[in-house]
Amino acid sequence: MTKQSHRFVEKYEGFMGFGFSREVDEATLICYLQKFSDDELMSQIINRMSESDMRQLFELLSDLMKRYLTGKEYRRYFLKEENEE
């Protein structure tokens, strides 16, 4: 059984666009990120990215997780560590 999931983008049938409403913005961002992280797309884009772009993307994602997730949430949802409680 895999630990990762990208089900939202597969099921979402709503409007995609940014700036319409918070709800649409959130759904659009989830779809964009899930589509962006698709293995096939990543295999096309990753070797074309500059070191600077790769570093910026890594730092942006890391900073967002540090800002909005607790350490426990980071381990559970990003690292997919088993609950050790």
PDB file of N, CA and C in Angstrom:
ATOM      1  N   MET A   1       0.842  -1.183   0.000  1.00  0.00           N
ATOM      2  CA  MET A   1       0.000   0.000   0.000  1.00  0.00           C
ATOM      3  C   MET A   1       0.887   1.246   0.000  1.00  0.00           C
ATOM      4  N   THR A   2       0.590   2.190  -0.875  1.00  0.00           N
ATOM      5  CA  THR A   2       1.388   3.409  -0.944  1.00  0.00           C
ATOM      6  C   THR A   2       0.989   4.383   0.151  1.00  0.00           C
ATOM      7  N   LYS A   3       1.940   5.224   0.526  1.00  0.00           N
ATOM      8  CA  LYS A   3       1.676   6.219   1.561  1.00  0.00           C
ATOM      9  C   LYS A   3       1.217   7.547   0.963  1.00  0.00           C
ATOM     10  N   GLN A   4       1.579   7.814  -0.279  1.00  0.00           N
ATOM     11  CA  GLN A   4       1.255   9.086  -0.911  1.00  0.00           C
ATOM     12  C   GLN A   4      -0.117   9.009  -1.580  1.00  0.00           C
ATOM     13  N   SER A   5      -0.772  10.149  -1.686  1.00  0.00           N
ATOM     14  CA  SER A   5      -2.064  10.181  -2.361  1.00  0.00           C
ATOM     15  C   SER A   5      -2.232  11.483  -3.135  1.00  0.00           C
ATOM     16  N   HIS A   6      -2.871  11.387  -4.251  1.00  0.00           N
ATOM     17  CA  HIS A   6      -3.219  12.540  -5.071  1.00  0.00           C
ATOM     18  C   HIS A   6      -4.652  12.364  -5.563  1.00  0.00           C
ATOM     19  N   ARG A   7      -5.545  12.081  -4.664  1.00  0.00           N
ATOM     20  CA  ARG A   7      -6.925  11.799  -5.058  1.00  0.00           C
ATOM     21  C   ARG A   7      -7.739  13.052  -5.379  1.00  0.00           C
ATOM     22  N   PHE A   8      -7.424  14.162  -4.733  1.00  0.00           N
ATOM     23  CA  PHE A   8      -8.223  15.376  -4.929  1.00  0.00           C
ATOM     24  C   PHE A   8      -8.284  15.754  -6.413  1.00  0.00           C
ATOM     25  N   VAL A   9      -7.144  15.817  -7.046  1.00  0.00           N
ATOM     26  CA  VAL A   9      -7.088  16.235  -8.448  1.00  0.00           C
ATOM     27  C   VAL A   9      -7.842  15.264  -9.355  1.00  0.00           C
ATOM     28  N   GLU A  10      -7.908  14.007  -8.967  1.00  0.00           N
ATOM     29  CA  GLU A  10      -8.616  13.013  -9.768  1.00  0.00           C
ATOM     30  C   GLU A  10     -10.130  13.150  -9.654  1.00  0.00           C
ATOM     31  N   LYS A  11     -10.610  13.675  -8.542  1.00  0.00           N
ATOM     32  CA  LYS A  11     -12.051  13.751  -8.297  1.00  0.00           C
ATOM     33  C   LYS A  11     -12.646  15.151  -8.475  1.00  0.00           C
ATOM     34  N   TYR A  12     -11.811  16.181  -8.405  1.00  0.00           N
ATOM     35  CA  TYR A  12     -12.316  17.555  -8.445  1.00  0.00           C
ATOM     36  C   TYR A  12     -12.905  17.884  -9.811  1.00  0.00           C
ATOM     37  N   GLU A  13     -14.116  18.389  -9.810  1.00  0.00           N
ATOM     38  CA  GLU A  13     -14.795  18.738 -11.067  1.00  0.00           C
ATOM     39  C   GLU A  13     -15.179  20.209 -11.117  1.00  0.00           C
ATOM     40  N   GLY A  14     -14.722  20.965 -10.145  1.00  0.00           N
ATOM     41  CA  GLY A  14     -15.089  22.372 -10.078  1.00  0.00           C
ATOM     42  C   GLY A  14     -14.235  23.262 -10.960  1.00  0.00           C
ATOM     43  N   PHE A  15     -14.515  24.533 -10.861  1.00  0.00           N
ATOM     44  CA  PHE A  15     -13.805  25.567 -11.608  1.00  0.00           C
ATOM     45  C   PHE A  15     -12.361  25.658 -11.135  1.00  0.00           C
ATOM     46  N   MET A  16     -11.431  25.805 -12.072  1.00  0.00           N
ATOM     47  CA  MET A  16     -10.035  26.043 -11.726  1.00  0.00           C
ATOM     48  C   MET A  16      -9.647  27.416 -12.227  1.00  0.00           C
ATOM     49  N   GLY A  17      -9.177  28.229 -11.320  1.00  0.00           N
ATOM     50  CA  GLY A  17      -8.721  29.571 -11.641  1.00  0.00           C
ATOM     51  C   GLY A  17      -8.322  30.233 -10.346  1.00  0.00           C
ATOM     52  N   PHE A  18      -7.636  31.328 -10.425  1.00  0.00           N
ATOM     53  CA  PHE A  18      -7.160  31.968  -9.206  1.00  0.00           C
ATOM     54  C   PHE A  18      -7.710  33.386  -9.117  1.00  0.00           C
ATOM     55  N   GLY A  19      -8.129  33.745  -7.909  1.00  0.00           N
ATOM     56  CA  GLY A  19      -8.636  35.089  -7.671  1.00  0.00           C
ATOM     57  C   GLY A  19     -10.152  35.182  -7.671  1.00  0.00           C
ATOM     58  N   PHE A  20     -10.825  34.076  -7.856  1.00  0.00           N
ATOM     59  CA  PHE A  20     -12.284  34.081  -7.894  1.00  0.00           C
ATOM     60  C   PHE A  20     -12.866  34.081  -6.489  1.00  0.00           C
ATOM     61  N   SER A  21     -12.422  33.144  -5.674  1.00  0.00           N
ATOM     62  CA  SER A  21     -12.847  33.065  -4.272  1.00  0.00           C
ATOM     63  C   SER A  21     -11.813  32.242  -3.516  1.00  0.00           C
ATOM     64  N   ARG A  22     -11.817  32.334  -2.215  1.00  0.00           N
ATOM     65  CA  ARG A  22     -10.874  31.556  -1.404  1.00  0.00           C
ATOM     66  C   ARG A  22     -11.059  30.060  -1.666  1.00  0.00           C
ATOM     67  N   GLU A  23     -12.304  29.604  -1.733  1.00  0.00           N
ATOM     68  CA  GLU A  23     -12.593  28.184  -1.962  1.00  0.00           C
ATOM     69  C   GLU A  23     -12.031  27.710  -3.305  1.00  0.00           C
ATOM     70  N   VAL A  24     -12.258  28.478  -4.354  1.00  0.00           N
ATOM     71  CA  VAL A  24     -11.750  28.109  -5.685  1.00  0.00           C
ATOM     72  C   VAL A  24     -10.229  28.203  -5.708  1.00  0.00           C
ATOM     73  N   ASP A  25      -9.671  29.235  -5.061  1.00  0.00           N
ATOM     74  CA  ASP A  25      -8.213  29.371  -4.995  1.00  0.00           C
ATOM     75  C   ASP A  25      -7.577  28.156  -4.329  1.00  0.00           C
ATOM     76  N   GLU A  26      -8.162  27.707  -3.220  1.00  0.00           N
ATOM     77  CA  GLU A  26      -7.632  26.542  -2.504  1.00  0.00           C
ATOM     78  C   GLU A  26      -7.687  25.294  -3.378  1.00  0.00           C
ATOM     79  N   ALA A  27      -8.816  25.061  -4.012  1.00  0.00           N
ATOM     80  CA  ALA A  27      -8.976  23.878  -4.873  1.00  0.00           C
ATOM     81  C   ALA A  27      -8.004  23.942  -6.053  1.00  0.00           C
ATOM     82  N   THR A  28      -7.865  25.113  -6.637  1.00  0.00           N
ATOM     83  CA  THR A  28      -6.958  25.286  -7.770  1.00  0.00           C
ATOM     84  C   THR A  28      -5.528  25.023  -7.352  1.00  0.00           C
ATOM     85  N   LEU A  29      -5.119  25.537  -6.216  1.00  0.00           N
ATOM     86  CA  LEU A  29      -3.757  25.329  -5.734  1.00  0.00           C
ATOM     87  C   LEU A  29      -3.483  23.853  -5.472  1.00  0.00           C
ATOM     88  N   ILE A  30      -4.441  23.158  -4.861  1.00  0.00           N
ATOM     89  CA  ILE A  30      -4.278  21.717  -4.634  1.00  0.00           C
ATOM     90  C   ILE A  30      -4.106  20.997  -5.975  1.00  0.00           C
ATOM     91  N   CYS A  31      -4.952  21.312  -6.942  1.00  0.00           N
ATOM     92  CA  CYS A  31      -4.860  20.672  -8.261  1.00  0.00           C
ATOM     93  C   CYS A  31      -3.521  20.965  -8.926  1.00  0.00           C
ATOM     94  N   TYR A  32      -3.102  22.209  -8.916  1.00  0.00           N
ATOM     95  CA  TYR A  32      -1.830  22.582  -9.538  1.00  0.00           C
ATOM     96  C   TYR A  32      -0.670  21.832  -8.891  1.00  0.00           C
ATOM     97  N   LEU A  33      -0.636  21.795  -7.565  1.00  0.00           N
ATOM     98  CA  LEU A  33       0.461  21.118  -6.878  1.00  0.00           C
ATOM     99  C   LEU A  33       0.451  19.619  -7.130  1.00  0.00           C
ATOM    100  N   GLN A  34      -0.730  19.015  -7.137  1.00  0.00           N
ATOM    101  CA  GLN A  34      -0.800  17.584  -7.396  1.00  0.00           C
ATOM    102  C   GLN A  34      -0.428  17.269  -8.843  1.00  0.00           C
ATOM    103  N   LYS A  35      -0.864  18.092  -9.776  1.00  0.00           N
ATOM    104  CA  LYS A  35      -0.486  17.890 -11.169  1.00  0.00           C
ATOM    105  C   LYS A  35       1.018  18.124 -11.359  1.00  0.00           C
ATOM    106  N   PHE A  36       1.554  19.160 -10.707  1.00  0.00           N
ATOM    107  CA  PHE A  36       2.972  19.496 -10.829  1.00  0.00           C
ATOM    108  C   PHE A  36       3.855  18.362 -10.326  1.00  0.00           C
ATOM    109  N   SER A  37       3.421  17.695  -9.255  1.00  0.00           N
ATOM    110  CA  SER A  37       4.249  16.643  -8.659  1.00  0.00           C
ATOM    111  C   SER A  37       4.068  15.278  -9.328  1.00  0.00           C
ATOM    112  N   ASP A  38       3.270  15.201 -10.359  1.00  0.00           N
ATOM    113  CA  ASP A  38       3.082  13.962 -11.098  1.00  0.00           C
ATOM    114  C   ASP A  38       4.440  13.442 -11.600  1.00  0.00           C
ATOM    115  N   ASP A  39       4.694  12.154 -11.409  1.00  0.00           N
ATOM    116  CA  ASP A  39       5.984  11.568 -11.780  1.00  0.00           C
ATOM    117  C   ASP A  39       6.366  11.848 -13.235  1.00  0.00           C
ATOM    118  N   GLU A  40       5.420  11.687 -14.142  1.00  0.00           N
ATOM    119  CA  GLU A  40       5.718  11.871 -15.565  1.00  0.00           C
ATOM    120  C   GLU A  40       6.081  13.329 -15.878  1.00  0.00           C
ATOM    121  N   LEU A  41       5.328  14.272 -15.303  1.00  0.00           N
ATOM    122  CA  LEU A  41       5.647  15.685 -15.516  1.00  0.00           C
ATOM    123  C   LEU A  41       6.999  16.033 -14.897  1.00  0.00           C
ATOM    124  N   MET A  42       7.219  15.559 -13.674  1.00  0.00           N
ATOM    125  CA  MET A  42       8.487  15.860 -13.008  1.00  0.00           C
ATOM    126  C   MET A  42       9.676  15.319 -13.780  1.00  0.00           C
ATOM    127  N   SER A  43       9.516  14.149 -14.399  1.00  0.00           N
ATOM    128  CA  SER A  43      10.626  13.583 -15.175  1.00  0.00           C
ATOM    129  C   SER A  43      10.966  14.460 -16.381  1.00  0.00           C
ATOM    130  N   GLN A  44      10.005  15.243 -16.859  1.00  0.00           N
ATOM    131  CA  GLN A  44      10.242  16.146 -17.984  1.00  0.00           C
ATOM    132  C   GLN A  44      10.859  17.469 -17.560  1.00  0.00           C
ATOM    133  N   ILE A  45      10.469  17.954 -16.392  1.00  0.00           N
ATOM    134  CA  ILE A  45      10.858  19.309 -15.999  1.00  0.00           C
ATOM    135  C   ILE A  45      12.090  19.375 -15.089  1.00  0.00           C
ATOM    136  N   ILE A  46      12.309  18.370 -14.253  1.00  0.00           N
ATOM    137  CA  ILE A  46      13.330  18.476 -13.208  1.00  0.00           C
ATOM    138  C   ILE A  46      14.734  18.669 -13.765  1.00  0.00           C
ATOM    139  N   ASN A  47      15.094  17.976 -14.816  1.00  0.00           N
ATOM    140  CA  ASN A  47      16.455  18.123 -15.349  1.00  0.00           C
ATOM    141  C   ASN A  47      16.635  19.409 -16.149  1.00  0.00           C
ATOM    142  N   ARG A  48      15.543  20.115 -16.424  1.00  0.00           N
ATOM    143  CA  ARG A  48      15.606  21.399 -17.134  1.00  0.00           C
ATOM    144  C   ARG A  48      15.673  22.581 -16.172  1.00  0.00           C
ATOM    145  N   MET A  49      15.339  22.345 -14.927  1.00  0.00           N
ATOM    146  CA  MET A  49      15.322  23.432 -13.947  1.00  0.00           C
ATOM    147  C   MET A  49      16.744  23.836 -13.577  1.00  0.00           C
ATOM    148  N   SER A  50      16.928  25.130 -13.413  1.00  0.00           N
ATOM    149  CA  SER A  50      18.230  25.623 -12.980  1.00  0.00           C
ATOM    150  C   SER A  50      18.424  25.303 -11.500  1.00  0.00           C
ATOM    151  N   GLU A  51      19.665  25.309 -11.067  1.00  0.00           N
ATOM    152  CA  GLU A  51      19.966  25.096  -9.643  1.00  0.00           C
ATOM    153  C   GLU A  51      19.247  26.145  -8.804  1.00  0.00           C
ATOM    154  N   SER A  52      19.202  27.368  -9.290  1.00  0.00           N
ATOM    155  CA  SER A  52      18.537  28.455  -8.570  1.00  0.00           C
ATOM    156  C   SER A  52      17.039  28.200  -8.434  1.00  0.00           C
ATOM    157  N   ASP A  53      16.395  27.771  -9.521  1.00  0.00           N
ATOM    158  CA  ASP A  53      14.962  27.464  -9.469  1.00  0.00           C
ATOM    159  C   ASP A  53      14.679  26.301  -8.529  1.00  0.00           C
ATOM    160  N   MET A  54      15.520  25.282  -8.585  1.00  0.00           N
ATOM    161  CA  MET A  54      15.338  24.142  -7.695  1.00  0.00           C
ATOM    162  C   MET A  54      15.476  24.573  -6.239  1.00  0.00           C
ATOM    163  N   ARG A  55      16.488  25.373  -5.951  1.00  0.00           N
ATOM    164  CA  ARG A  55      16.706  25.853  -4.587  1.00  0.00           C
ATOM    165  C   ARG A  55      15.541  26.712  -4.116  1.00  0.00           C
ATOM    166  N   GLN A  56      15.053  27.608  -4.972  1.00  0.00           N
ATOM    167  CA  GLN A  56      13.928  28.479  -4.619  1.00  0.00           C
ATOM    168  C   GLN A  56      12.673  27.665  -4.321  1.00  0.00           C
ATOM    169  N   LEU A  57      12.396  26.673  -5.152  1.00  0.00           N
ATOM    170  CA  LEU A  57      11.215  25.844  -4.948  1.00  0.00           C
ATOM    171  C   LEU A  57      11.330  25.052  -3.646  1.00  0.00           C
ATOM    172  N   PHE A  58      12.488  24.462  -3.414  1.00  0.00           N
ATOM    173  CA  PHE A  58      12.716  23.704  -2.188  1.00  0.00           C
ATOM    174  C   PHE A  58      12.550  24.602  -0.959  1.00  0.00           C
ATOM    175  N   GLU A  59      13.148  25.780  -1.000  1.00  0.00           N
ATOM    176  CA  GLU A  59      13.066  26.699   0.139  1.00  0.00           C
ATOM    177  C   GLU A  59      11.646  27.209   0.351  1.00  0.00           C
ATOM    178  N   LEU A  60      10.916  27.495  -0.710  1.00  0.00           N
ATOM    179  CA  LEU A  60       9.532  27.943  -0.581  1.00  0.00           C
ATOM    180  C   LEU A  60       8.675  26.875   0.092  1.00  0.00           C
ATOM    181  N   LEU A  61       8.773  25.649  -0.400  1.00  0.00           N
ATOM    182  CA  LEU A  61       7.976  24.571   0.176  1.00  0.00           C
ATOM    183  C   LEU A  61       8.369  24.289   1.627  1.00  0.00           C
ATOM    184  N   SER A  62       9.664  24.296   1.897  1.00  0.00           N
ATOM    185  CA  SER A  62      10.142  24.085   3.274  1.00  0.00           C
ATOM    186  C   SER A  62       9.655  25.181   4.200  1.00  0.00           C
ATOM    187  N   ASP A  63       9.753  26.427   3.758  1.00  0.00           N
ATOM    188  CA  ASP A  63       9.305  27.565   4.572  1.00  0.00           C
ATOM    189  C   ASP A  63       7.801  27.493   4.852  1.00  0.00           C
ATOM    190  N   LEU A  64       7.014  27.130   3.855  1.00  0.00           N
ATOM    191  CA  LEU A  64       5.572  27.016   4.050  1.00  0.00           C
ATOM    192  C   LEU A  64       5.240  25.932   5.073  1.00  0.00           C
ATOM    193  N   MET A  65       5.927  24.811   4.987  1.00  0.00           N
ATOM    194  CA  MET A  65       5.662  23.746   5.960  1.00  0.00           C
ATOM    195  C   MET A  65       6.079  24.162   7.357  1.00  0.00           C
ATOM    196  N   LYS A  66       7.210  24.850   7.473  1.00  0.00           N
ATOM    197  CA  LYS A  66       7.654  25.326   8.789  1.00  0.00           C
ATOM    198  C   LYS A  66       6.655  26.325   9.370  1.00  0.00           C
ATOM    199  N   ARG A  67       6.084  27.156   8.514  1.00  0.00           N
ATOM    200  CA  ARG A  67       5.159  28.198   8.956  1.00  0.00           C
ATOM    201  C   ARG A  67       3.805  27.642   9.366  1.00  0.00           C
ATOM    202  N   TYR A  68       3.314  26.642   8.651  1.00  0.00           N
ATOM    203  CA  TYR A  68       1.923  26.212   8.833  1.00  0.00           C
ATOM    204  C   TYR A  68       1.733  24.824   9.450  1.00  0.00           C
ATOM    205  N   LEU A  69       2.812  24.097   9.665  1.00  0.00           N
ATOM    206  CA  LEU A  69       2.698  22.777  10.290  1.00  0.00           C
ATOM    207  C   LEU A  69       3.489  22.735  11.591  1.00  0.00           C
ATOM    208  N   THR A  70       2.951  22.053  12.560  1.00  0.00           N
ATOM    209  CA  THR A  70       3.725  21.772  13.770  1.00  0.00           C
ATOM    210  C   THR A  70       4.719  20.665  13.422  1.00  0.00           C
ATOM    211  N   GLY A  71       5.676  20.437  14.297  1.00  0.00           N
ATOM    212  CA  GLY A  71       6.624  19.354  14.084  1.00  0.00           C
ATOM    213  C   GLY A  71       5.934  18.012  13.969  1.00  0.00           C
ATOM    214  N   LYS A  72       4.933  17.805  14.805  1.00  0.00           N
ATOM    215  CA  LYS A  72       4.170  16.558  14.794  1.00  0.00           C
ATOM    216  C   LYS A  72       3.414  16.393  13.469  1.00  0.00           C
ATOM    217  N   GLU A  73       2.796  17.470  12.992  1.00  0.00           N
ATOM    218  CA  GLU A  73       2.066  17.424  11.718  1.00  0.00           C
ATOM    219  C   GLU A  73       3.027  17.171  10.561  1.00  0.00           C
ATOM    220  N   TYR A  74       4.190  17.795  10.592  1.00  0.00           N
ATOM    221  CA  TYR A  74       5.205  17.593   9.548  1.00  0.00           C
ATOM    222  C   TYR A  74       5.609  16.119   9.467  1.00  0.00           C
ATOM    223  N   ARG A  75       5.870  15.526  10.607  1.00  0.00           N
ATOM    224  CA  ARG A  75       6.269  14.116  10.631  1.00  0.00           C
ATOM    225  C   ARG A  75       5.129  13.208  10.170  1.00  0.00           C
ATOM    226  N   ARG A  76       3.914  13.536  10.569  1.00  0.00           N
ATOM    227  CA  ARG A  76       2.768  12.689  10.201  1.00  0.00           C
ATOM    228  C   ARG A  76       2.378  12.840   8.728  1.00  0.00           C
ATOM    229  N   TYR A  77       2.198  14.072   8.267  1.00  0.00           N
ATOM    230  CA  TYR A  77       1.636  14.303   6.934  1.00  0.00           C
ATOM    231  C   TYR A  77       2.668  14.400   5.818  1.00  0.00           C
ATOM    232  N   PHE A  78       3.863  14.894   6.122  1.00  0.00           N
ATOM    233  CA  PHE A  78       4.878  15.008   5.072  1.00  0.00           C
ATOM    234  C   PHE A  78       5.815  13.806   5.072  1.00  0.00           C
ATOM    235  N   LEU A  79       6.360  13.485   6.224  1.00  0.00           N
ATOM    236  CA  LEU A  79       7.273  12.350   6.308  1.00  0.00           C
ATOM    237  C   LEU A  79       6.546  11.009   6.335  1.00  0.00           C
ATOM    238  N   LYS A  80       5.246  11.049   6.657  1.00  0.00           N
ATOM    239  CA  LYS A  80       4.415   9.839   6.726  1.00  0.00           C
ATOM    240  C   LYS A  80       4.939   8.869   7.769  1.00  0.00           C
ATOM    241  N   GLU A  81       5.464   9.418   8.863  1.00  0.00           N
ATOM    242  CA  GLU A  81       5.929   8.563   9.946  1.00  0.00           C
ATOM    243  C   GLU A  81       4.730   8.001  10.702  1.00  0.00           C
ATOM    244  N   GLU A  82       4.884   6.810  11.163  1.00  0.00           N
ATOM    245  CA  GLU A  82       3.843   6.172  11.938  1.00  0.00           C
ATOM    246  C   GLU A  82       3.665   6.919  13.263  1.00  0.00           C
ATOM    247  N   ASN A  83       2.470   6.953  13.743  1.00  0.00           N
ATOM    248  CA  ASN A  83       2.157   7.608  15.008  1.00  0.00           C
ATOM    249  C   ASN A  83       2.828   6.847  16.141  1.00  0.00           C
ATOM    250  N   GLU A  84       3.686   7.540  16.900  1.00  0.00           N
ATOM    251  CA  GLU A  84       4.442   6.890  17.960  1.00  0.00           C
ATOM    252  C   GLU A  84       3.895   7.236  19.329  1.00  0.00           C
ATOM    253  N   GLU A  85       2.632   7.546  19.441  1.00  0.00           N
ATOM    254  CA  GLU A  85       2.039   7.928  20.729  1.00  0.00           C
ATOM    255  C   GLU A  85       1.745   6.730  21.574  1.00  0.00           C
TER     256      GLU A  85
END
